[in-house]
Every structure is written in C-alpha cells, then in structure tokens.
Amino acid sequence: MPTLHLLRHAKSSWDDLRVRDHDRPLSDRGERAAAAMAAYMRQSGIAPDLVLCSSARRTVDTLARLRGGLPDPLTVETRRDLYEVGAADLLEVLHRVPDSIRVAMLIGHNPGLEDLATALAGPDSDPGARKALARKFSTGALATLAFDGTWATLAAGGARLTRFMTPKDLV
C-alpha cells in the first residue's frame, strides 16, 4: 500500500522584505518546529523512499532540518515545478512517481498542499485527522495518506488520511 506524506515548509522569516518570496529563509520559530518534526518523524518510523521538495529556500531549509530524522541514503528531488502550484499540478507530479516507490514525501506550500490533502482524503479517513486538517494546514504540519493502487491512479477521495500532525502538537 503506497503512502504519501505531505509536509508544509516550516515558518519562514519576513525580517527582510527585500528578499524575494522564493528566497525567504526559515525563521527561528521555523527552525525549532522543523527540529521537533524531525524528532517526531524519527520516533514514528517515517521513512520515505523519495522526497520531492520545492526549490524555495524555506522548503529546502525545512528538509535540511529533517535530514536527521529521515533514512540515509535518501533520494531527494528538489524541483521548481513544486513552487507556486495548485493541487492539480502537485497531483500530476505524484502521478509520475515510479511504482517502485512505496513511501513518498512532498515538501511544499499552501494553498496547494492543503487543497491536495483535502481532495485526496476519502471517506475512510481518520476523523480526528480530518478535523485537524479542516482547521488549518499550518506551517510545519504533516499529513499522511495511504492508498490502494498505483501513484498513477491516485485520485480525489482515493486515499485515507491517517495522520495530521502540527509542530504545536509536538510541544
């Protein structure tokens, strides 16, 4: 059964308004949240075969903080086509994941990630996770979805939301 982890980048810094959106780093709060999520992922045994990461600095920085909680070696694709895109574009990228990948993680941005998680979560989803997702896909949050079939056939309502965790849940 394939598993998809959707992780929103940790909180970014707005200290320097001259920095382009794509180039914004993590804030101190984001650094702490990413470290907490890394520890949670390690303790929970979250071990993706593939990480698809937006090329934005805040997503790359989030991934860097998570590396201690992820398996090594790890296949990572840093991709510009995951930045400033909607749920349909993200799903298109996921449709091209090889079936040899059993667990994938996508590190990206809202509103695309939230819209994707909401669209994929079918009726068999965990009610508590669904309720938490409906409140807000906050920075640093992790949604886990499991589904039958292949990456190419992943579709709206076709997955089970099994977990929704935010950094605030961890402290």
N, C-alpha and C. Protein backbone atom coordinates (compact mmCIF):
# COMPACT_ATOMS: atom_id res chain seq x y z
N MET A 1 0.84 -1.18 0.00
CA MET A 1 0.00 0.00 0.00
C MET A 1 0.89 1.25 0.00
N PRO A 2 0.84 2.07 -1.04
CA PRO A 2 1.64 3.29 -1.08
C PRO A 2 1.22 4.28 0.00
N THR A 3 2.19 5.05 0.46
CA THR A 3 1.95 6.07 1.49
C THR A 3 2.54 7.39 1.01
N LEU A 4 1.80 8.45 1.24
CA LEU A 4 2.22 9.80 0.87
C LEU A 4 2.24 10.68 2.11
N HIS A 5 3.37 11.32 2.35
CA HIS A 5 3.49 12.30 3.42
C HIS A 5 3.55 13.67 2.77
N LEU A 6 2.64 14.55 3.16
CA LEU A 6 2.64 15.93 2.68
C LEU A 6 3.09 16.81 3.82
N LEU A 7 4.20 17.51 3.63
CA LEU A 7 4.77 18.35 4.68
C LEU A 7 4.84 19.79 4.18
N ARG A 8 4.19 20.68 4.91
CA ARG A 8 4.31 22.10 4.58
C ARG A 8 5.60 22.62 5.20
N HIS A 9 6.30 23.47 4.47
CA HIS A 9 7.54 24.04 4.99
C HIS A 9 7.29 24.67 6.36
N ALA A 10 8.34 24.74 7.17
CA ALA A 10 8.25 25.39 8.46
C ALA A 10 8.14 26.91 8.28
N LYS A 11 7.84 27.60 9.35
CA LYS A 11 7.60 29.05 9.33
C LYS A 11 8.80 29.79 8.74
N SER A 12 8.53 30.66 7.79
CA SER A 12 9.60 31.42 7.15
C SER A 12 9.73 32.80 7.77
N SER A 13 10.85 33.42 7.48
CA SER A 13 11.16 34.73 8.02
C SER A 13 10.70 35.84 7.06
N TRP A 14 10.15 36.87 7.66
CA TRP A 14 9.76 38.08 6.90
C TRP A 14 10.61 39.26 7.38
N ASP A 15 11.76 38.99 8.00
CA ASP A 15 12.60 40.06 8.56
C ASP A 15 13.09 41.04 7.50
N ASP A 16 13.43 40.54 6.33
CA ASP A 16 13.94 41.39 5.25
C ASP A 16 12.95 41.36 4.09
N LEU A 17 12.17 42.40 3.97
CA LEU A 17 11.12 42.46 2.95
C LEU A 17 11.67 42.60 1.53
N ARG A 18 12.98 42.81 1.41
CA ARG A 18 13.60 42.90 0.08
C ARG A 18 13.87 41.52 -0.52
N VAL A 19 13.83 40.49 0.31
CA VAL A 19 14.11 39.13 -0.15
C VAL A 19 12.91 38.62 -0.95
N ARG A 20 13.19 38.09 -2.14
CA ARG A 20 12.13 37.51 -2.97
C ARG A 20 11.47 36.36 -2.22
N ASP A 21 10.20 36.12 -2.50
CA ASP A 21 9.46 35.06 -1.83
C ASP A 21 10.17 33.71 -1.94
N HIS A 22 10.65 33.38 -3.11
CA HIS A 22 11.32 32.09 -3.35
C HIS A 22 12.56 31.93 -2.47
N ASP A 23 13.16 33.04 -2.05
CA ASP A 23 14.43 33.01 -1.33
C ASP A 23 14.32 33.24 0.18
N ARG A 24 13.10 33.29 0.71
CA ARG A 24 12.95 33.54 2.15
C ARG A 24 13.44 32.34 2.97
N PRO A 25 14.27 32.58 4.00
CA PRO A 25 14.76 31.50 4.87
C PRO A 25 13.74 31.18 5.96
N LEU A 26 14.05 30.19 6.77
CA LEU A 26 13.22 29.88 7.93
C LEU A 26 13.43 30.93 9.02
N SER A 27 12.39 31.15 9.79
CA SER A 27 12.51 31.99 10.99
C SER A 27 13.06 31.13 12.12
N ASP A 28 13.39 31.75 13.24
CA ASP A 28 13.85 30.97 14.40
C ASP A 28 12.76 29.98 14.83
N ARG A 29 11.51 30.42 14.82
CA ARG A 29 10.40 29.54 15.16
C ARG A 29 10.32 28.36 14.18
N GLY A 30 10.54 28.64 12.91
CA GLY A 30 10.52 27.59 11.90
C GLY A 30 11.64 26.58 12.11
N GLU A 31 12.80 27.06 12.49
CA GLU A 31 13.94 26.16 12.78
C GLU A 31 13.58 25.21 13.91
N ARG A 32 12.98 25.74 14.97
CA ARG A 32 12.60 24.91 16.12
C ARG A 32 11.50 23.91 15.73
N ALA A 33 10.54 24.36 14.96
CA ALA A 33 9.43 23.48 14.53
C ALA A 33 9.95 22.35 13.66
N ALA A 34 10.85 22.66 12.74
CA ALA A 34 11.41 21.62 11.86
C ALA A 34 12.21 20.60 12.67
N ALA A 35 12.94 21.06 13.67
CA ALA A 35 13.70 20.14 14.53
C ALA A 35 12.75 19.24 15.31
N ALA A 36 11.65 19.79 15.80
CA ALA A 36 10.66 18.99 16.53
C ALA A 36 10.02 17.96 15.60
N MET A 37 9.73 18.36 14.39
CA MET A 37 9.11 17.44 13.42
C MET A 37 10.11 16.33 13.05
N ALA A 38 11.39 16.67 12.94
CA ALA A 38 12.41 15.65 12.63
C ALA A 38 12.45 14.59 13.73
N ALA A 39 12.40 15.02 14.98
CA ALA A 39 12.40 14.07 16.09
C ALA A 39 11.15 13.21 16.06
N TYR A 40 10.01 13.83 15.78
CA TYR A 40 8.76 13.08 15.70
C TYR A 40 8.82 12.04 14.58
N MET A 41 9.31 12.43 13.44
CA MET A 41 9.40 11.52 12.30
C MET A 41 10.32 10.34 12.61
N ARG A 42 11.42 10.61 13.25
CA ARG A 42 12.35 9.53 13.63
C ARG A 42 11.67 8.57 14.61
N GLN A 43 11.01 9.11 15.64
CA GLN A 43 10.32 8.29 16.65
C GLN A 43 9.16 7.50 16.05
N SER A 44 8.53 8.06 15.02
CA SER A 44 7.36 7.43 14.41
C SER A 44 7.72 6.46 13.29
N GLY A 45 9.00 6.39 12.96
CA GLY A 45 9.44 5.48 11.90
C GLY A 45 9.06 5.93 10.50
N ILE A 46 8.88 7.21 10.30
CA ILE A 46 8.56 7.72 8.97
C ILE A 46 9.83 7.66 8.14
N ALA A 47 9.78 6.86 7.08
CA ALA A 47 10.97 6.60 6.28
C ALA A 47 10.63 6.59 4.79
N PRO A 48 10.58 7.77 4.17
CA PRO A 48 10.26 7.81 2.74
C PRO A 48 11.37 7.23 1.89
N ASP A 49 10.96 6.67 0.76
CA ASP A 49 11.92 6.22 -0.25
C ASP A 49 12.35 7.38 -1.14
N LEU A 50 11.46 8.37 -1.24
CA LEU A 50 11.67 9.51 -2.14
C LEU A 50 11.12 10.76 -1.49
N VAL A 51 11.88 11.86 -1.56
CA VAL A 51 11.39 13.17 -1.14
C VAL A 51 11.38 14.08 -2.35
N LEU A 52 10.21 14.66 -2.60
CA LEU A 52 10.04 15.67 -3.64
C LEU A 52 9.93 17.00 -2.91
N CYS A 53 10.87 17.90 -3.16
CA CYS A 53 10.95 19.14 -2.39
C CYS A 53 10.93 20.34 -3.32
N SER A 54 10.08 21.30 -3.02
CA SER A 54 10.07 22.56 -3.77
C SER A 54 11.46 23.19 -3.70
N SER A 55 11.79 23.95 -4.71
CA SER A 55 13.09 24.60 -4.77
C SER A 55 13.17 25.86 -3.91
N ALA A 56 12.08 26.31 -3.32
CA ALA A 56 12.11 27.51 -2.48
C ALA A 56 13.03 27.28 -1.28
N ARG A 57 13.71 28.33 -0.88
CA ARG A 57 14.68 28.18 0.20
C ARG A 57 14.05 27.64 1.48
N ARG A 58 12.84 28.10 1.82
CA ARG A 58 12.23 27.66 3.07
C ARG A 58 11.88 26.17 3.06
N THR A 59 11.60 25.61 1.90
CA THR A 59 11.34 24.16 1.84
C THR A 59 12.65 23.39 1.90
N VAL A 60 13.66 23.89 1.20
CA VAL A 60 14.98 23.24 1.22
C VAL A 60 15.56 23.31 2.64
N ASP A 61 15.39 24.46 3.32
CA ASP A 61 15.87 24.59 4.69
C ASP A 61 15.10 23.66 5.63
N THR A 62 13.79 23.50 5.40
CA THR A 62 13.00 22.57 6.21
C THR A 62 13.53 21.15 6.04
N LEU A 63 13.76 20.76 4.80
CA LEU A 63 14.31 19.42 4.54
C LEU A 63 15.66 19.24 5.22
N ALA A 64 16.51 20.25 5.18
CA ALA A 64 17.83 20.15 5.81
C ALA A 64 17.69 19.86 7.31
N ARG A 65 16.71 20.49 7.97
CA ARG A 65 16.50 20.26 9.40
C ARG A 65 15.92 18.87 9.66
N LEU A 66 15.21 18.32 8.68
CA LEU A 66 14.59 16.99 8.85
C LEU A 66 15.55 15.85 8.61
N ARG A 67 16.65 16.11 7.93
CA ARG A 67 17.53 15.02 7.47
C ARG A 67 17.92 14.06 8.58
N GLY A 68 18.13 14.56 9.80
CA GLY A 68 18.48 13.69 10.91
C GLY A 68 17.38 12.72 11.30
N GLY A 69 16.14 13.03 10.91
CA GLY A 69 15.02 12.16 11.22
C GLY A 69 14.62 11.25 10.09
N LEU A 70 15.32 11.34 8.96
CA LEU A 70 14.99 10.55 7.77
C LEU A 70 16.08 9.52 7.49
N PRO A 71 15.73 8.49 6.73
CA PRO A 71 16.73 7.46 6.43
C PRO A 71 17.88 8.01 5.58
N ASP A 72 19.01 7.32 5.67
CA ASP A 72 20.17 7.70 4.88
C ASP A 72 20.75 6.43 4.27
N PRO A 73 20.95 6.33 2.98
CA PRO A 73 20.77 7.38 1.99
C PRO A 73 19.28 7.58 1.66
N LEU A 74 19.00 8.72 1.05
CA LEU A 74 17.64 9.09 0.71
C LEU A 74 17.65 9.76 -0.66
N THR A 75 16.71 9.37 -1.50
CA THR A 75 16.59 10.02 -2.82
C THR A 75 15.77 11.28 -2.65
N VAL A 76 16.34 12.41 -3.06
CA VAL A 76 15.68 13.72 -2.96
C VAL A 76 15.69 14.37 -4.33
N GLU A 77 14.54 14.88 -4.73
CA GLU A 77 14.42 15.68 -5.95
C GLU A 77 13.96 17.07 -5.54
N THR A 78 14.81 18.06 -5.75
CA THR A 78 14.45 19.45 -5.50
C THR A 78 13.95 20.02 -6.81
N ARG A 79 12.69 20.49 -6.83
CA ARG A 79 12.03 20.81 -8.08
C ARG A 79 11.36 22.18 -8.05
N ARG A 80 11.62 22.95 -9.08
CA ARG A 80 10.98 24.27 -9.24
C ARG A 80 9.48 24.12 -9.51
N ASP A 81 9.07 23.02 -10.16
CA ASP A 81 7.66 22.85 -10.51
C ASP A 81 6.78 22.50 -9.31
N LEU A 82 7.31 22.53 -8.11
CA LEU A 82 6.52 22.34 -6.90
C LEU A 82 6.28 23.66 -6.18
N TYR A 83 6.77 24.74 -6.75
CA TYR A 83 6.66 26.08 -6.15
C TYR A 83 5.53 26.84 -6.83
N GLU A 84 4.67 27.45 -6.01
CA GLU A 84 3.55 28.26 -6.51
C GLU A 84 2.64 27.49 -7.47
N VAL A 85 2.27 26.29 -7.10
CA VAL A 85 1.36 25.49 -7.92
C VAL A 85 0.20 25.00 -7.06
N GLY A 86 -0.87 24.63 -7.73
CA GLY A 86 -2.05 24.15 -7.05
C GLY A 86 -2.07 22.64 -6.90
N ALA A 87 -3.15 22.16 -6.32
CA ALA A 87 -3.31 20.73 -6.05
C ALA A 87 -3.25 19.89 -7.31
N ALA A 88 -3.85 20.36 -8.39
CA ALA A 88 -3.86 19.57 -9.63
C ALA A 88 -2.45 19.37 -10.17
N ASP A 89 -1.62 20.41 -10.10
CA ASP A 89 -0.23 20.29 -10.56
C ASP A 89 0.57 19.36 -9.66
N LEU A 90 0.34 19.43 -8.36
CA LEU A 90 1.03 18.54 -7.43
C LEU A 90 0.64 17.09 -7.69
N LEU A 91 -0.64 16.86 -7.93
CA LEU A 91 -1.11 15.50 -8.22
C LEU A 91 -0.50 14.98 -9.51
N GLU A 92 -0.33 15.85 -10.49
CA GLU A 92 0.31 15.45 -11.75
C GLU A 92 1.74 14.96 -11.50
N VAL A 93 2.46 15.67 -10.64
CA VAL A 93 3.83 15.25 -10.29
C VAL A 93 3.79 13.89 -9.61
N LEU A 94 2.86 13.70 -8.68
CA LEU A 94 2.75 12.42 -7.97
C LEU A 94 2.39 11.29 -8.91
N HIS A 95 1.62 11.56 -9.94
CA HIS A 95 1.25 10.52 -10.91
C HIS A 95 2.47 9.96 -11.64
N ARG A 96 3.58 10.70 -11.64
CA ARG A 96 4.80 10.25 -12.32
C ARG A 96 5.78 9.55 -11.38
N VAL A 97 5.41 9.39 -10.12
CA VAL A 97 6.28 8.67 -9.18
C VAL A 97 6.28 7.20 -9.58
N PRO A 98 7.46 6.59 -9.68
CA PRO A 98 7.52 5.17 -10.07
C PRO A 98 6.85 4.28 -9.02
N ASP A 99 6.25 3.20 -9.47
CA ASP A 99 5.57 2.28 -8.56
C ASP A 99 6.54 1.55 -7.63
N SER A 100 7.83 1.60 -7.93
CA SER A 100 8.82 1.01 -7.03
C SER A 100 8.93 1.81 -5.72
N ILE A 101 8.44 3.04 -5.71
CA ILE A 101 8.44 3.89 -4.52
C ILE A 101 7.20 3.56 -3.70
N ARG A 102 7.41 3.09 -2.49
CA ARG A 102 6.28 2.75 -1.62
C ARG A 102 5.89 3.91 -0.72
N VAL A 103 6.87 4.74 -0.33
CA VAL A 103 6.60 5.86 0.56
C VAL A 103 7.27 7.11 -0.02
N ALA A 104 6.46 8.11 -0.30
CA ALA A 104 6.97 9.38 -0.82
C ALA A 104 6.59 10.51 0.11
N MET A 105 7.44 11.52 0.14
CA MET A 105 7.16 12.74 0.90
C MET A 105 7.26 13.91 -0.06
N LEU A 106 6.27 14.79 0.01
CA LEU A 106 6.28 16.00 -0.79
C LEU A 106 6.35 17.18 0.17
N ILE A 107 7.39 18.00 0.03
CA ILE A 107 7.56 19.18 0.89
C ILE A 107 7.25 20.40 0.04
N GLY A 108 6.21 21.13 0.44
CA GLY A 108 5.77 22.24 -0.40
C GLY A 108 5.07 23.33 0.37
N HIS A 109 4.09 23.93 -0.30
CA HIS A 109 3.48 25.19 0.12
C HIS A 109 1.96 25.12 0.10
N ASN A 110 1.38 26.04 0.82
CA ASN A 110 -0.06 26.26 0.73
C ASN A 110 -0.33 27.34 -0.30
N PRO A 111 -1.49 27.36 -0.90
CA PRO A 111 -2.65 26.52 -0.59
C PRO A 111 -2.63 25.15 -1.27
N GLY A 112 -1.67 24.90 -2.14
CA GLY A 112 -1.64 23.65 -2.90
C GLY A 112 -1.64 22.39 -2.04
N LEU A 113 -0.80 22.36 -0.99
CA LEU A 113 -0.73 21.16 -0.15
C LEU A 113 -2.04 20.90 0.59
N GLU A 114 -2.59 21.95 1.16
CA GLU A 114 -3.85 21.78 1.89
C GLU A 114 -4.96 21.32 0.95
N ASP A 115 -5.04 21.94 -0.21
CA ASP A 115 -6.06 21.55 -1.19
C ASP A 115 -5.86 20.11 -1.64
N LEU A 116 -4.61 19.69 -1.84
CA LEU A 116 -4.33 18.32 -2.24
C LEU A 116 -4.73 17.33 -1.15
N ALA A 117 -4.31 17.59 0.08
CA ALA A 117 -4.64 16.69 1.19
C ALA A 117 -6.15 16.58 1.36
N THR A 118 -6.84 17.71 1.29
CA THR A 118 -8.29 17.71 1.45
C THR A 118 -8.96 16.94 0.32
N ALA A 119 -8.48 17.12 -0.90
CA ALA A 119 -9.07 16.42 -2.05
C ALA A 119 -8.83 14.92 -1.99
N LEU A 120 -7.64 14.50 -1.59
CA LEU A 120 -7.30 13.07 -1.58
C LEU A 120 -7.98 12.31 -0.46
N ALA A 121 -8.22 12.97 0.67
CA ALA A 121 -8.75 12.29 1.85
C ALA A 121 -10.16 11.78 1.60
N GLY A 122 -10.30 10.46 1.56
CA GLY A 122 -11.58 9.81 1.29
C GLY A 122 -12.39 9.57 2.54
N PRO A 123 -13.52 8.91 2.38
CA PRO A 123 -14.45 8.70 3.50
C PRO A 123 -13.91 7.82 4.62
N ASP A 124 -12.90 7.00 4.36
CA ASP A 124 -12.35 6.13 5.40
C ASP A 124 -11.25 6.80 6.21
N SER A 125 -11.08 8.10 6.03
CA SER A 125 -10.03 8.84 6.74
C SER A 125 -10.30 8.89 8.24
N ASP A 126 -9.23 9.03 8.99
CA ASP A 126 -9.32 9.17 10.44
C ASP A 126 -10.09 10.46 10.76
N PRO A 127 -11.18 10.37 11.53
CA PRO A 127 -12.00 11.57 11.79
C PRO A 127 -11.23 12.68 12.50
N GLY A 128 -10.38 12.33 13.45
CA GLY A 128 -9.60 13.35 14.17
C GLY A 128 -8.61 14.04 13.25
N ALA A 129 -7.96 13.28 12.39
CA ALA A 129 -7.01 13.87 11.44
C ALA A 129 -7.74 14.77 10.45
N ARG A 130 -8.90 14.31 9.99
CA ARG A 130 -9.68 15.11 9.04
C ARG A 130 -10.12 16.43 9.68
N LYS A 131 -10.55 16.38 10.93
CA LYS A 131 -10.98 17.59 11.64
C LYS A 131 -9.81 18.56 11.81
N ALA A 132 -8.65 18.03 12.17
CA ALA A 132 -7.46 18.89 12.34
C ALA A 132 -7.04 19.51 11.01
N LEU A 133 -7.08 18.74 9.94
CA LEU A 133 -6.75 19.27 8.61
C LEU A 133 -7.72 20.37 8.21
N ALA A 134 -8.99 20.20 8.53
CA ALA A 134 -10.01 21.19 8.16
C ALA A 134 -9.79 22.51 8.88
N ARG A 135 -9.17 22.47 10.07
CA ARG A 135 -8.91 23.71 10.81
C ARG A 135 -7.86 24.56 10.08
N LYS A 136 -6.73 23.94 9.74
CA LYS A 136 -5.66 24.70 9.09
C LYS A 136 -4.46 23.79 8.84
N PHE A 137 -3.89 23.87 7.64
CA PHE A 137 -2.64 23.16 7.32
C PHE A 137 -1.52 24.15 7.62
N SER A 138 -1.18 24.25 8.89
CA SER A 138 -0.22 25.27 9.34
C SER A 138 1.19 24.97 8.86
N THR A 139 2.05 25.97 8.97
CA THR A 139 3.45 25.76 8.60
C THR A 139 4.03 24.64 9.46
N GLY A 140 4.82 23.79 8.82
CA GLY A 140 5.46 22.68 9.51
C GLY A 140 4.58 21.47 9.72
N ALA A 141 3.31 21.52 9.28
CA ALA A 141 2.37 20.42 9.51
C ALA A 141 2.64 19.26 8.55
N LEU A 142 2.28 18.06 9.01
CA LEU A 142 2.48 16.82 8.26
C LEU A 142 1.15 16.07 8.14
N ALA A 143 0.76 15.77 6.90
CA ALA A 143 -0.41 14.94 6.63
C ALA A 143 0.09 13.64 6.02
N THR A 144 -0.44 12.51 6.50
CA THR A 144 -0.07 11.20 5.96
C THR A 144 -1.31 10.56 5.36
N LEU A 145 -1.17 10.11 4.11
CA LEU A 145 -2.26 9.47 3.38
C LEU A 145 -1.79 8.13 2.84
N ALA A 146 -2.60 7.11 3.00
CA ALA A 146 -2.32 5.79 2.45
C ALA A 146 -3.39 5.48 1.41
N PHE A 147 -3.01 4.73 0.40
CA PHE A 147 -3.98 4.42 -0.66
C PHE A 147 -3.65 3.09 -1.31
N ASP A 148 -4.67 2.51 -1.92
CA ASP A 148 -4.51 1.29 -2.70
C ASP A 148 -4.25 1.71 -4.14
N GLY A 149 -3.63 0.84 -4.90
CA GLY A 149 -3.40 1.15 -6.30
C GLY A 149 -2.01 1.67 -6.55
N THR A 150 -1.88 2.47 -7.59
CA THR A 150 -0.58 2.99 -8.01
C THR A 150 -0.56 4.50 -7.90
N TRP A 151 0.63 5.07 -8.00
CA TRP A 151 0.75 6.53 -7.99
C TRP A 151 -0.01 7.14 -9.17
N ALA A 152 0.03 6.47 -10.29
CA ALA A 152 -0.63 7.00 -11.50
C ALA A 152 -2.15 7.03 -11.37
N THR A 153 -2.70 6.21 -10.47
CA THR A 153 -4.16 6.17 -10.32
C THR A 153 -4.66 6.92 -9.08
N LEU A 154 -3.75 7.53 -8.33
CA LEU A 154 -4.14 8.30 -7.15
C LEU A 154 -5.10 9.40 -7.59
N ALA A 155 -6.26 9.48 -6.91
CA ALA A 155 -7.30 10.43 -7.34
C ALA A 155 -8.04 10.99 -6.13
N ALA A 156 -8.81 12.03 -6.36
CA ALA A 156 -9.62 12.66 -5.32
C ALA A 156 -10.47 11.61 -4.61
N GLY A 157 -10.43 11.67 -3.28
CA GLY A 157 -11.20 10.74 -2.46
C GLY A 157 -10.63 9.34 -2.39
N GLY A 158 -9.48 9.11 -3.03
CA GLY A 158 -8.93 7.77 -3.14
C GLY A 158 -7.92 7.39 -2.10
N ALA A 159 -7.73 8.20 -1.08
CA ALA A 159 -6.74 7.89 -0.05
C ALA A 159 -7.38 8.00 1.33
N ARG A 160 -6.70 7.45 2.32
CA ARG A 160 -7.13 7.54 3.71
C ARG A 160 -6.15 8.45 4.45
N LEU A 161 -6.66 9.53 4.97
CA LEU A 161 -5.85 10.41 5.81
C LEU A 161 -5.68 9.69 7.14
N THR A 162 -4.47 9.29 7.45
CA THR A 162 -4.22 8.51 8.67
C THR A 162 -3.59 9.32 9.78
N ARG A 163 -3.02 10.49 9.42
CA ARG A 163 -2.34 11.30 10.43
C ARG A 163 -2.34 12.76 9.97
N PHE A 164 -2.51 13.65 10.94
CA PHE A 164 -2.28 15.06 10.70
C PHE A 164 -1.65 15.62 11.95
N MET A 165 -0.41 16.04 11.83
CA MET A 165 0.37 16.48 12.99
C MET A 165 0.94 17.87 12.70
N THR A 166 0.85 18.75 13.70
CA THR A 166 1.43 20.08 13.57
C THR A 166 2.56 20.23 14.58
N PRO A 167 3.47 21.18 14.37
CA PRO A 167 4.52 21.41 15.37
C PRO A 167 3.96 21.72 16.75
N LYS A 168 2.83 22.43 16.80
CA LYS A 168 2.23 22.75 18.12
C LYS A 168 1.79 21.48 18.84
N ASP A 169 1.44 20.42 18.10
CA ASP A 169 1.07 19.15 18.72
C ASP A 169 2.26 18.49 19.41
N LEU A 170 3.46 18.88 19.02
CA LEU A 170 4.68 18.20 19.48
C LEU A 170 5.31 18.87 20.70
N VAL A 171 4.85 20.05 21.06
CA VAL A 171 5.47 20.76 22.19
C VAL A 171 4.50 20.97 23.32
